[in-house]
Amino acid sequence: MDKYSDLAVSEMRRTGIPASITLAQGMLESDYGRSRLATEANNHFGIKCHNNWKGATIKHHDDKRNECFRKYRKPEESYYDHSDFLTSASRYGSLFELKETDYKGWARGLKKAGYATNPDYANMLIRKIEEYELWRYDDSKESAGKPVPGSDRVAITAPVTVVEGIPDTSLKQPSDNFVVTGRVSRIKENNRIQYIVVIDGDTRESIEKNFNLLKWELPRYNELGNNFDLFPGQILYFQPKRDRAEPGKEVHIAVKGDTMYSISQKYGVRLKKLYEMNRMTGGQEPAEGDKIWLRSMKPVN
């Protein structure tokens, strides 16, 4: 627990997943780091390969014989992947409407969404959290600004600014509101997702280096190809986008030049989900004046 508590808190700040949930799941899934998956594959969360996994693998008997599980170079990678797995899968999307301190809601939501087949899984997590007082980490400032153990990532704890509107990605010049110098001070927040706005002089390599990002993170989180171009005013998210916009932002009225992608970036909503909510097929674009639904399905006429 002590070994990974700083990392769990850092991931909570990065993704919104309660540190208590991360720690309790790590304990349960890895048998306190003693399971075969943990010792031989550094997989502390029992994450299976699924179709999109391109990394190393290990075969392990679980619900079925010889199932494919992800294998990592070090345990810390499994913590990052656990966070990204939960934030990118739509079935867990409703959990991010809960407060970070609502560990009981998170535990029950994980079970309901099918994270584990054990019918008592939610209660097992809650008991671990309360037995070891893991809930303390959900409001912890202990690791503020400390390097994450075993990596070069830093817990970002500077205050972020929640903005009412983000400049469209089609802008050619960044708004003055967003041109802020300094590494951490450039990070803003929209829909509970951290992002920056590209400024003159930025390159993909400099952004990845300055913000301790892996090469796959920018294209995946921003739904871009691997060889994407940068331009001033462009929004770049550092975390997965969500399945719907934040409360209070129900619809967007399309203006000239809007695309589904620019709207997706503006509100921090996954492009595929945006198409689904608006009953549109991939590649369709809105006309000027169209209502684009951001939090629920477009009503059927």
C-alpha atoms as a PDB file:
ATOM      1  CA  MET A   1       0.000   0.000   0.000  1.00  0.00           C
ATOM      2  CA  ASP A   2       2.735   2.467   0.966  1.00  0.00           C
ATOM      3  CA  LYS A   3       4.696   1.579  -2.156  1.00  0.00           C
ATOM      4  CA  TYR A   4       1.928   2.622  -4.552  1.00  0.00           C
ATOM      5  CA  SER A   5      -0.031   5.234  -2.603  1.00  0.00           C
ATOM      6  CA  ASP A   6       1.758   8.218  -4.200  1.00  0.00           C
ATOM      7  CA  LEU A   7       1.171   6.733  -7.629  1.00  0.00           C
ATOM      8  CA  ALA A   8      -2.530   6.144  -6.896  1.00  0.00           C
ATOM      9  CA  VAL A   9      -2.944   9.755  -5.733  1.00  0.00           C
ATOM     10  CA  SER A  10      -1.125  11.043  -8.819  1.00  0.00           C
ATOM     11  CA  GLU A  11      -3.373   8.967 -11.078  1.00  0.00           C
ATOM     12  CA  MET A  12      -6.424  10.279  -9.213  1.00  0.00           C
ATOM     13  CA  ARG A  13      -5.350  13.828 -10.066  1.00  0.00           C
ATOM     14  CA  ARG A  14      -4.665  12.821 -13.652  1.00  0.00           C
ATOM     15  CA  THR A  15      -7.868  10.878 -14.344  1.00  0.00           C
ATOM     16  CA  GLY A  16     -10.379  11.374 -11.504  1.00  0.00           C
ATOM     17  CA  ILE A  17     -10.334   7.749 -10.313  1.00  0.00           C
ATOM     18  CA  PRO A  18     -10.313   7.673  -6.481  1.00  0.00           C
ATOM     19  CA  ALA A  19      -6.937   6.627  -5.107  1.00  0.00           C
ATOM     20  CA  SER A  20      -8.718   4.370  -2.618  1.00  0.00           C
ATOM     21  CA  ILE A  21     -10.358   2.437  -5.455  1.00  0.00           C
ATOM     22  CA  THR A  22      -7.067   2.041  -7.317  1.00  0.00           C
ATOM     23  CA  LEU A  23      -5.281   0.799  -4.200  1.00  0.00           C
ATOM     24  CA  ALA A  24      -8.082  -1.553  -3.163  1.00  0.00           C
ATOM     25  CA  GLN A  25      -8.363  -3.018  -6.648  1.00  0.00           C
ATOM     26  CA  GLY A  26      -4.605  -3.496  -6.776  1.00  0.00           C
ATOM     27  CA  MET A  27      -4.689  -5.366  -3.470  1.00  0.00           C
ATOM     28  CA  LEU A  28      -7.566  -7.608  -4.482  1.00  0.00           C
ATOM     29  CA  GLU A  29      -6.553  -8.322  -8.058  1.00  0.00           C
ATOM     30  CA  SER A  30      -2.876  -8.979  -7.288  1.00  0.00           C
ATOM     31  CA  ASP A  31      -3.298 -10.646  -3.878  1.00  0.00           C
ATOM     32  CA  TYR A  32      -1.139  -7.873  -2.397  1.00  0.00           C
ATOM     33  CA  GLY A  33       1.387  -8.230  -5.209  1.00  0.00           C
ATOM     34  CA  ARG A  34       1.804 -11.999  -4.783  1.00  0.00           C
ATOM     35  CA  SER A  35      -0.295 -13.315  -7.665  1.00  0.00           C
ATOM     36  CA  ARG A  36       1.258 -14.897 -10.742  1.00  0.00           C
ATOM     37  CA  LEU A  37       0.099 -12.032 -12.952  1.00  0.00           C
ATOM     38  CA  ALA A  38       1.697  -9.519 -10.581  1.00  0.00           C
ATOM     39  CA  THR A  39       5.010 -11.333 -10.109  1.00  0.00           C
ATOM     40  CA  GLU A  40       5.529 -12.562 -13.684  1.00  0.00           C
ATOM     41  CA  ALA A  41       3.748  -9.889 -15.716  1.00  0.00           C
ATOM     42  CA  ASN A  42       3.669  -6.816 -13.408  1.00  0.00           C
ATOM     43  CA  ASN A  43      -0.106  -6.838 -14.014  1.00  0.00           C
ATOM     44  CA  HIS A  44      -1.638  -5.736 -10.700  1.00  0.00           C
ATOM     45  CA  PHE A  45      -5.203  -5.321 -11.970  1.00  0.00           C
ATOM     46  CA  GLY A  46      -5.882  -8.484 -13.929  1.00  0.00           C
ATOM     47  CA  ILE A  47      -6.359  -6.537 -17.165  1.00  0.00           C
ATOM     48  CA  LYS A  48      -6.922  -8.840 -20.121  1.00  0.00           C
ATOM     49  CA  CYS A  49      -5.499  -8.208 -23.582  1.00  0.00           C
ATOM     50  CA  HIS A  50      -8.690  -7.216 -25.413  1.00  0.00           C
ATOM     51  CA  ASN A  51      -8.513  -6.438 -29.116  1.00  0.00           C
ATOM     52  CA  ASN A  52      -6.535  -3.193 -28.965  1.00  0.00           C
ATOM     53  CA  TRP A  53      -3.531  -4.413 -26.935  1.00  0.00           C
ATOM     54  CA  LYS A  54      -0.246  -4.412 -28.900  1.00  0.00           C
ATOM     55  CA  GLY A  55       2.173  -5.053 -26.029  1.00  0.00           C
ATOM     56  CA  ALA A  56       3.591  -8.183 -24.403  1.00  0.00           C
ATOM     57  CA  THR A  57       1.179 -10.837 -23.139  1.00  0.00           C
ATOM     58  CA  ILE A  58       0.956 -13.759 -20.744  1.00  0.00           C
ATOM     59  CA  LYS A  59      -1.415 -16.751 -20.719  1.00  0.00           C
ATOM     60  CA  HIS A  60      -3.245 -17.356 -17.464  1.00  0.00           C
ATOM     61  CA  HIS A  61      -6.207 -19.434 -16.278  1.00  0.00           C
ATOM     62  CA  ASP A  62      -9.045 -17.178 -15.159  1.00  0.00           C
ATOM     63  CA  ASP A  63     -12.728 -17.582 -16.043  1.00  0.00           C
ATOM     64  CA  LYS A  64     -11.418 -19.687 -18.939  1.00  0.00           C
ATOM     65  CA  ARG A  65      -8.184 -21.586 -19.503  1.00  0.00           C
ATOM     66  CA  ASN A  66      -5.203 -19.846 -21.065  1.00  0.00           C
ATOM     67  CA  GLU A  67      -6.760 -16.404 -21.304  1.00  0.00           C
ATOM     68  CA  CYS A  68      -4.621 -13.562 -22.640  1.00  0.00           C
ATOM     69  CA  PHE A  69      -3.505 -10.940 -20.108  1.00  0.00           C
ATOM     70  CA  ARG A  70      -1.378  -7.834 -20.550  1.00  0.00           C
ATOM     71  CA  LYS A  71       2.261  -7.948 -19.489  1.00  0.00           C
ATOM     72  CA  TYR A  72       4.185  -4.839 -18.407  1.00  0.00           C
ATOM     73  CA  ARG A  73       7.838  -3.971 -17.947  1.00  0.00           C
ATOM     74  CA  LYS A  74       7.217  -2.611 -14.452  1.00  0.00           C
ATOM     75  CA  PRO A  75       4.244  -2.429 -12.044  1.00  0.00           C
ATOM     76  CA  GLU A  76       3.814   1.321 -12.494  1.00  0.00           C
ATOM     77  CA  GLU A  77       2.827   0.760 -16.122  1.00  0.00           C
ATOM     78  CA  SER A  78      -0.101  -1.375 -14.992  1.00  0.00           C
ATOM     79  CA  TYR A  79      -1.333   1.519 -12.826  1.00  0.00           C
ATOM     80  CA  TYR A  80      -1.254   3.917 -15.785  1.00  0.00           C
ATOM     81  CA  ASP A  81      -2.984   1.345 -17.967  1.00  0.00           C
ATOM     82  CA  HIS A  82      -5.625   0.660 -15.317  1.00  0.00           C
ATOM     83  CA  SER A  83      -6.483   4.378 -15.280  1.00  0.00           C
ATOM     84  CA  ASP A  84      -6.582   4.615 -19.062  1.00  0.00           C
ATOM     85  CA  PHE A  85      -8.620   1.415 -19.310  1.00  0.00           C
ATOM     86  CA  LEU A  86     -11.336   2.814 -17.038  1.00  0.00           C
ATOM     87  CA  THR A  87     -11.389   6.291 -18.580  1.00  0.00           C
ATOM     88  CA  SER A  88     -11.533   5.086 -22.186  1.00  0.00           C
ATOM     89  CA  ALA A  89     -14.204   2.366 -21.847  1.00  0.00           C
ATOM     90  CA  SER A  90     -17.697   3.807 -22.270  1.00  0.00           C
ATOM     91  CA  ARG A  91     -19.272   1.337 -19.836  1.00  0.00           C
ATOM     92  CA  TYR A  92     -17.437   3.067 -16.974  1.00  0.00           C
ATOM     93  CA  GLY A  93     -18.359   6.584 -18.122  1.00  0.00           C
ATOM     94  CA  SER A  94     -21.072   7.139 -15.498  1.00  0.00           C
ATOM     95  CA  LEU A  95     -18.556   6.584 -12.698  1.00  0.00           C
ATOM     96  CA  PHE A  96     -16.848   9.869 -13.529  1.00  0.00           C
ATOM     97  CA  GLU A  97     -20.022  11.727 -12.585  1.00  0.00           C
ATOM     98  CA  LEU A  98     -19.372  10.630  -8.984  1.00  0.00           C
ATOM     99  CA  LYS A  99     -17.213  12.520  -6.526  1.00  0.00           C
ATOM    100  CA  GLU A 100     -13.685  11.242  -6.003  1.00  0.00           C
ATOM    101  CA  THR A 101     -14.546  10.721  -2.330  1.00  0.00           C
ATOM    102  CA  ASP A 102     -17.544   8.473  -3.115  1.00  0.00           C
ATOM    103  CA  TYR A 103     -15.624   5.201  -2.943  1.00  0.00           C
ATOM    104  CA  LYS A 104     -18.785   3.203  -2.217  1.00  0.00           C
ATOM    105  CA  GLY A 105     -20.449   4.526  -5.362  1.00  0.00           C
ATOM    106  CA  TRP A 106     -17.332   3.716  -7.365  1.00  0.00           C
ATOM    107  CA  ALA A 107     -17.093   0.197  -5.946  1.00  0.00           C
ATOM    108  CA  ARG A 108     -20.725  -0.563  -6.744  1.00  0.00           C
ATOM    109  CA  GLY A 109     -20.450   1.065 -10.158  1.00  0.00           C
ATOM    110  CA  LEU A 110     -17.423  -1.035 -11.106  1.00  0.00           C
ATOM    111  CA  LYS A 111     -19.301  -4.211 -10.231  1.00  0.00           C
ATOM    112  CA  LYS A 112     -22.416  -3.070 -12.086  1.00  0.00           C
ATOM    113  CA  ALA A 113     -20.351  -2.233 -15.187  1.00  0.00           C
ATOM    114  CA  GLY A 114     -18.881  -5.736 -15.200  1.00  0.00           C
ATOM    115  CA  TYR A 115     -15.303  -5.157 -14.041  1.00  0.00           C
ATOM    116  CA  ALA A 116     -15.384  -8.437 -12.079  1.00  0.00           C
ATOM    117  CA  THR A 117     -17.639 -11.492 -12.065  1.00  0.00           C
ATOM    118  CA  ASN A 118     -17.559 -12.035  -8.284  1.00  0.00           C
ATOM    119  CA  PRO A 119     -21.026 -10.987  -7.016  1.00  0.00           C
ATOM    120  CA  ASP A 120     -19.469  -9.643  -3.800  1.00  0.00           C
ATOM    121  CA  TYR A 121     -16.814  -7.578  -5.605  1.00  0.00           C
ATOM    122  CA  ALA A 122     -18.167  -4.172  -4.534  1.00  0.00           C
ATOM    123  CA  ASN A 123     -18.327  -5.170  -0.870  1.00  0.00           C
ATOM    124  CA  MET A 124     -14.824  -6.641  -1.066  1.00  0.00           C
ATOM    125  CA  LEU A 125     -13.478  -3.314  -2.310  1.00  0.00           C
ATOM    126  CA  ILE A 126     -15.363  -1.343   0.334  1.00  0.00           C
ATOM    127  CA  ARG A 127     -14.109  -3.615   3.118  1.00  0.00           C
ATOM    128  CA  LYS A 128     -10.499  -3.201   1.949  1.00  0.00           C
ATOM    129  CA  ILE A 129     -10.867   0.580   1.767  1.00  0.00           C
ATOM    130  CA  GLU A 130     -12.324   0.785   5.259  1.00  0.00           C
ATOM    131  CA  GLU A 131     -10.032  -1.826   6.809  1.00  0.00           C
ATOM    132  CA  TYR A 132      -6.894   0.011   5.661  1.00  0.00           C
ATOM    133  CA  GLU A 133      -8.446   3.497   5.746  1.00  0.00           C
ATOM    134  CA  LEU A 134      -7.628   3.964   2.081  1.00  0.00           C
ATOM    135  CA  TRP A 135     -10.299   6.660   1.844  1.00  0.00           C
ATOM    136  CA  ARG A 136      -7.717   9.010   3.399  1.00  0.00           C
ATOM    137  CA  TYR A 137      -5.845   9.088   0.088  1.00  0.00           C
ATOM    138  CA  ASP A 138      -8.883  10.413  -1.780  1.00  0.00           C
ATOM    139  CA  ASP A 139      -8.342  13.781  -0.125  1.00  0.00           C
ATOM    140  CA  SER A 140      -4.597  13.480   0.308  1.00  0.00           C
ATOM    141  CA  LYS A 141      -2.001  16.169  -0.352  1.00  0.00           C
ATOM    142  CA  GLU A 142       0.874  13.923   0.682  1.00  0.00           C
ATOM    143  CA  SER A 143       2.294  13.439  -2.811  1.00  0.00           C
ATOM    144  CA  ALA A 144       1.710  16.944  -4.137  1.00  0.00           C
ATOM    145  CA  GLY A 145       4.388  17.670  -6.726  1.00  0.00           C
ATOM    146  CA  LYS A 146       6.384  14.531  -5.925  1.00  0.00           C
ATOM    147  CA  PRO A 147       7.751  12.357  -8.713  1.00  0.00           C
ATOM    148  CA  VAL A 148       5.725   9.206  -9.206  1.00  0.00           C
ATOM    149  CA  PRO A 149       7.774   6.234  -7.939  1.00  0.00           C
ATOM    150  CA  GLY A 150       9.528   4.396 -10.753  1.00  0.00           C
ATOM    151  CA  SER A 151       8.789   6.974 -13.446  1.00  0.00           C
ATOM    152  CA  ASP A 152       9.576  10.486 -14.599  1.00  0.00           C
ATOM    153  CA  ARG A 153       5.980  11.673 -14.281  1.00  0.00           C
ATOM    154  CA  VAL A 154       5.165  14.397 -11.803  1.00  0.00           C
ATOM    155  CA  ALA A 155       1.910  14.804  -9.942  1.00  0.00           C
ATOM    156  CA  ILE A 156       0.448  18.029 -11.302  1.00  0.00           C
ATOM    157  CA  THR A 157      -1.068  19.917  -8.399  1.00  0.00           C
ATOM    158  CA  ALA A 158      -1.159  23.521  -9.523  1.00  0.00           C
ATOM    159  CA  PRO A 159      -4.693  24.946  -9.677  1.00  0.00           C
ATOM    160  CA  VAL A 160      -6.372  24.484 -13.041  1.00  0.00           C
ATOM    161  CA  THR A 161      -8.876  26.792 -14.638  1.00  0.00           C
ATOM    162  CA  VAL A 162     -12.311  25.527 -15.603  1.00  0.00           C
ATOM    163  CA  VAL A 163     -13.347  27.517 -18.647  1.00  0.00           C
ATOM    164  CA  GLU A 164     -16.823  28.177 -19.994  1.00  0.00           C
ATOM    165  CA  GLY A 165     -15.738  27.755 -23.596  1.00  0.00           C
ATOM    166  CA  ILE A 166     -12.614  26.490 -25.292  1.00  0.00           C
ATOM    167  CA  PRO A 167     -11.417  28.059 -28.540  1.00  0.00           C
ATOM    168  CA  ASP A 168     -12.318  26.047 -31.625  1.00  0.00           C
ATOM    169  CA  THR A 169      -9.502  23.908 -33.033  1.00  0.00           C
ATOM    170  CA  SER A 170      -9.942  25.684 -36.367  1.00  0.00           C
ATOM    171  CA  LEU A 171      -8.565  28.920 -34.900  1.00  0.00           C
ATOM    172  CA  LYS A 172      -5.274  30.015 -36.401  1.00  0.00           C
ATOM    173  CA  GLN A 173      -4.116  32.025 -33.392  1.00  0.00           C
ATOM    174  CA  PRO A 174      -4.497  31.093 -29.725  1.00  0.00           C
ATOM    175  CA  SER A 175      -6.703  33.228 -27.502  1.00  0.00           C
ATOM    176  CA  ASP A 176      -4.868  35.459 -25.045  1.00  0.00           C
ATOM    177  CA  ASN A 177      -6.649  33.582 -22.258  1.00  0.00           C
ATOM    178  CA  PHE A 178      -4.658  30.483 -23.061  1.00  0.00           C
ATOM    179  CA  VAL A 179      -1.175  31.759 -23.879  1.00  0.00           C
ATOM    180  CA  VAL A 180       0.454  31.080 -20.528  1.00  0.00           C
ATOM    181  CA  THR A 181       4.123  30.383 -20.072  1.00  0.00           C
ATOM    182  CA  GLY A 182       5.539  27.712 -17.830  1.00  0.00           C
ATOM    183  CA  ARG A 183       5.126  23.942 -17.744  1.00  0.00           C
ATOM    184  CA  VAL A 184       2.344  23.355 -15.228  1.00  0.00           C
ATOM    185  CA  SER A 185       0.701  26.778 -15.561  1.00  0.00           C
ATOM    186  CA  ARG A 186      -0.197  26.030 -19.199  1.00  0.00           C
ATOM    187  CA  ILE A 187      -2.416  23.135 -18.172  1.00  0.00           C
ATOM    188  CA  LYS A 188      -6.132  23.929 -18.181  1.00  0.00           C
ATOM    189  CA  GLU A 189      -9.169  21.792 -17.503  1.00  0.00           C
ATOM    190  CA  ASN A 190     -12.347  21.159 -19.469  1.00  0.00           C
ATOM    191  CA  ASN A 191     -14.969  18.492 -18.687  1.00  0.00           C
ATOM    192  CA  ARG A 192     -12.576  17.344 -15.946  1.00  0.00           C
ATOM    193  CA  ILE A 193      -9.879  16.633 -18.540  1.00  0.00           C
ATOM    194  CA  GLN A 194      -6.471  18.295 -18.555  1.00  0.00           C
ATOM    195  CA  TYR A 195      -5.357  19.976 -21.784  1.00  0.00           C
ATOM    196  CA  ILE A 196      -3.134  22.666 -23.251  1.00  0.00           C
ATOM    197  CA  VAL A 197      -3.522  24.951 -26.251  1.00  0.00           C
ATOM    198  CA  VAL A 198      -0.653  24.789 -28.737  1.00  0.00           C
ATOM    199  CA  ILE A 199       1.422  27.960 -29.044  1.00  0.00           C
ATOM    200  CA  ASP A 200       4.147  29.061 -31.457  1.00  0.00           C
ATOM    201  CA  GLY A 201       7.297  27.014 -30.977  1.00  0.00           C
ATOM    202  CA  ASP A 202       5.552  23.888 -29.717  1.00  0.00           C
ATOM    203  CA  THR A 203       6.462  20.586 -31.324  1.00  0.00           C
ATOM    204  CA  ARG A 204       5.106  17.168 -30.573  1.00  0.00           C
ATOM    205  CA  GLU A 205       8.474  16.177 -29.140  1.00  0.00           C
ATOM    206  CA  SER A 206       8.720  19.243 -26.886  1.00  0.00           C
ATOM    207  CA  ILE A 207       5.191  18.731 -25.541  1.00  0.00           C
ATOM    208  CA  GLU A 208       5.806  15.044 -24.843  1.00  0.00           C
ATOM    209  CA  LYS A 209       9.069  15.871 -23.087  1.00  0.00           C
ATOM    210  CA  ASN A 210       7.832  18.861 -21.086  1.00  0.00           C
ATOM    211  CA  PHE A 211       4.667  17.139 -19.877  1.00  0.00           C
ATOM    212  CA  ASN A 212       6.073  13.618 -19.474  1.00  0.00           C
ATOM    213  CA  LEU A 213       3.786  12.045 -22.054  1.00  0.00           C
ATOM    214  CA  LEU A 214       4.285   8.734 -23.806  1.00  0.00           C
ATOM    215  CA  LYS A 215       4.266   8.771 -27.626  1.00  0.00           C
ATOM    216  CA  TRP A 216       0.885   7.073 -27.914  1.00  0.00           C
ATOM    217  CA  GLU A 217      -0.952   9.395 -25.516  1.00  0.00           C
ATOM    218  CA  LEU A 218      -1.489  12.526 -27.642  1.00  0.00           C
ATOM    219  CA  PRO A 219      -2.841  10.718 -30.732  1.00  0.00           C
ATOM    220  CA  ARG A 220      -5.042   8.400 -28.685  1.00  0.00           C
ATOM    221  CA  TYR A 221      -6.525  11.012 -26.347  1.00  0.00           C
ATOM    222  CA  ASN A 222      -7.106  13.483 -29.191  1.00  0.00           C
ATOM    223  CA  GLU A 223      -8.308  10.923 -31.754  1.00  0.00           C
ATOM    224  CA  LEU A 224      -5.575  11.799 -34.232  1.00  0.00           C
ATOM    225  CA  GLY A 225      -3.407   9.777 -36.573  1.00  0.00           C
ATOM    226  CA  ASN A 226       0.140   8.984 -35.479  1.00  0.00           C
ATOM    227  CA  ASN A 227       1.650  11.611 -37.816  1.00  0.00           C
ATOM    228  CA  PHE A 228      -0.535  14.576 -36.933  1.00  0.00           C
ATOM    229  CA  ASP A 229       0.401  18.231 -37.443  1.00  0.00           C
ATOM    230  CA  LEU A 230       0.353  20.953 -34.783  1.00  0.00           C
ATOM    231  CA  PHE A 231      -0.863  24.530 -35.205  1.00  0.00           C
ATOM    232  CA  PRO A 232      -1.261  27.463 -32.777  1.00  0.00           C
ATOM    233  CA  GLY A 233      -4.649  27.403 -31.076  1.00  0.00           C
ATOM    234  CA  GLN A 234      -5.020  23.632 -31.320  1.00  0.00           C
ATOM    235  CA  ILE A 235      -6.418  21.875 -28.251  1.00  0.00           C
ATOM    236  CA  LEU A 236      -4.432  18.858 -27.027  1.00  0.00           C
ATOM    237  CA  TYR A 237      -5.870  16.728 -24.256  1.00  0.00           C
ATOM    238  CA  PHE A 238      -3.600  14.844 -21.870  1.00  0.00           C
ATOM    239  CA  GLN A 239      -6.337  12.436 -20.744  1.00  0.00           C
ATOM    240  CA  PRO A 240      -9.108  10.488 -22.495  1.00  0.00           C
ATOM    241  CA  LYS A 241     -12.157  12.469 -23.523  1.00  0.00           C
ATOM    242  CA  ARG A 242     -15.476  11.590 -21.930  1.00  0.00           C
ATOM    243  CA  ASP A 243     -18.738  10.159 -23.236  1.00  0.00           C
ATOM    244  CA  ARG A 244     -20.674  13.385 -22.713  1.00  0.00           C
ATOM    245  CA  ALA A 245     -20.124  17.055 -21.948  1.00  0.00           C
ATOM    246  CA  GLU A 246     -20.152  18.463 -18.445  1.00  0.00           C
ATOM    247  CA  PRO A 247     -23.512  19.258 -16.794  1.00  0.00           C
ATOM    248  CA  GLY A 248     -25.167  22.394 -18.119  1.00  0.00           C
ATOM    249  CA  LYS A 249     -23.804  21.983 -21.643  1.00  0.00           C
ATOM    250  CA  GLU A 250     -26.664  20.122 -23.273  1.00  0.00           C
ATOM    251  CA  VAL A 251     -26.429  21.281 -26.896  1.00  0.00           C
ATOM    252  CA  HIS A 252     -24.104  23.165 -29.229  1.00  0.00           C
ATOM    253  CA  ILE A 253     -25.441  25.310 -32.070  1.00  0.00           C
ATOM    254  CA  ALA A 254     -23.140  24.767 -35.039  1.00  0.00           C
ATOM    255  CA  VAL A 255     -21.554  27.821 -36.600  1.00  0.00           C
ATOM    256  CA  LYS A 256     -19.822  28.188 -39.939  1.00  0.00           C
ATOM    257  CA  GLY A 257     -16.638  26.101 -39.992  1.00  0.00           C
ATOM    258  CA  ASP A 258     -17.677  23.716 -37.214  1.00  0.00           C
ATOM    259  CA  THR A 259     -16.904  20.045 -37.687  1.00  0.00           C
ATOM    260  CA  MET A 260     -17.886  17.125 -35.503  1.00  0.00           C
ATOM    261  CA  TYR A 261     -14.226  16.796 -34.541  1.00  0.00           C
ATOM    262  CA  SER A 262     -13.846  20.472 -33.562  1.00  0.00           C
ATOM    263  CA  ILE A 263     -17.017  20.197 -31.453  1.00  0.00           C
ATOM    264  CA  SER A 264     -15.661  16.995 -29.919  1.00  0.00           C
ATOM    265  CA  GLN A 265     -12.477  18.812 -28.913  1.00  0.00           C
ATOM    266  CA  LYS A 266     -14.311  21.929 -27.746  1.00  0.00           C
ATOM    267  CA  TYR A 267     -16.382  20.015 -25.203  1.00  0.00           C
ATOM    268  CA  GLY A 268     -14.041  17.098 -24.436  1.00  0.00           C
ATOM    269  CA  VAL A 269     -16.421  14.459 -25.810  1.00  0.00           C
ATOM    270  CA  ARG A 270     -15.318  11.357 -27.715  1.00  0.00           C
ATOM    271  CA  LEU A 271     -15.998  11.745 -31.440  1.00  0.00           C
ATOM    272  CA  LYS A 272     -17.636   8.332 -31.821  1.00  0.00           C
ATOM    273  CA  LYS A 273     -19.966   9.060 -28.920  1.00  0.00           C
ATOM    274  CA  LEU A 274     -20.841  12.471 -30.380  1.00  0.00           C
ATOM    275  CA  TYR A 275     -21.893  10.816 -33.632  1.00  0.00           C
ATOM    276  CA  GLU A 276     -23.951   8.236 -31.717  1.00  0.00           C
ATOM    277  CA  MET A 277     -25.783  10.806 -29.589  1.00  0.00           C
ATOM    278  CA  ASN A 278     -26.712  12.801 -32.695  1.00  0.00           C
ATOM    279  CA  ARG A 279     -27.779   9.765 -34.752  1.00  0.00           C
ATOM    280  CA  MET A 280     -25.214  10.598 -37.421  1.00  0.00           C
ATOM    281  CA  THR A 281     -22.920   8.339 -39.405  1.00  0.00           C
ATOM    282  CA  GLY A 282     -19.159   8.731 -39.384  1.00  0.00           C
ATOM    283  CA  GLY A 283     -17.986  11.451 -41.761  1.00  0.00           C
ATOM    284  CA  GLN A 284     -21.192  13.480 -41.612  1.00  0.00           C
ATOM    285  CA  GLU A 285     -20.697  17.126 -40.693  1.00  0.00           C
ATOM    286  CA  PRO A 286     -23.151  19.617 -39.182  1.00  0.00           C
ATOM    287  CA  ALA A 287     -24.704  22.441 -41.144  1.00  0.00           C
ATOM    288  CA  GLU A 288     -24.676  25.975 -39.801  1.00  0.00           C
ATOM    289  CA  GLY A 289     -27.444  26.299 -37.199  1.00  0.00           C
ATOM    290  CA  ASP A 290     -27.724  22.563 -36.472  1.00  0.00           C
ATOM    291  CA  LYS A 291     -28.224  21.498 -32.866  1.00  0.00           C
ATOM    292  CA  ILE A 292     -25.537  19.071 -31.720  1.00  0.00           C
ATOM    293  CA  TRP A 293     -26.495  17.130 -28.603  1.00  0.00           C
ATOM    294  CA  LEU A 294     -23.696  16.830 -26.064  1.00  0.00           C
ATOM    295  CA  ARG A 295     -25.068  14.874 -23.103  1.00  0.00           C
ATOM    296  CA  SER A 296     -27.959  12.730 -24.337  1.00  0.00           C
ATOM    297  CA  MET A 297     -29.440  11.171 -27.456  1.00  0.00           C
ATOM    298  CA  LYS A 298     -30.923  13.547 -29.994  1.00  0.00           C
ATOM    299  CA  PRO A 299     -34.725  13.310 -29.831  1.00  0.00           C
ATOM    300  CA  VAL A 300     -36.366  11.409 -32.660  1.00  0.00           C
ATOM    301  CA  ASN A 301     -38.465  13.739 -34.792  1.00  0.00           C
END
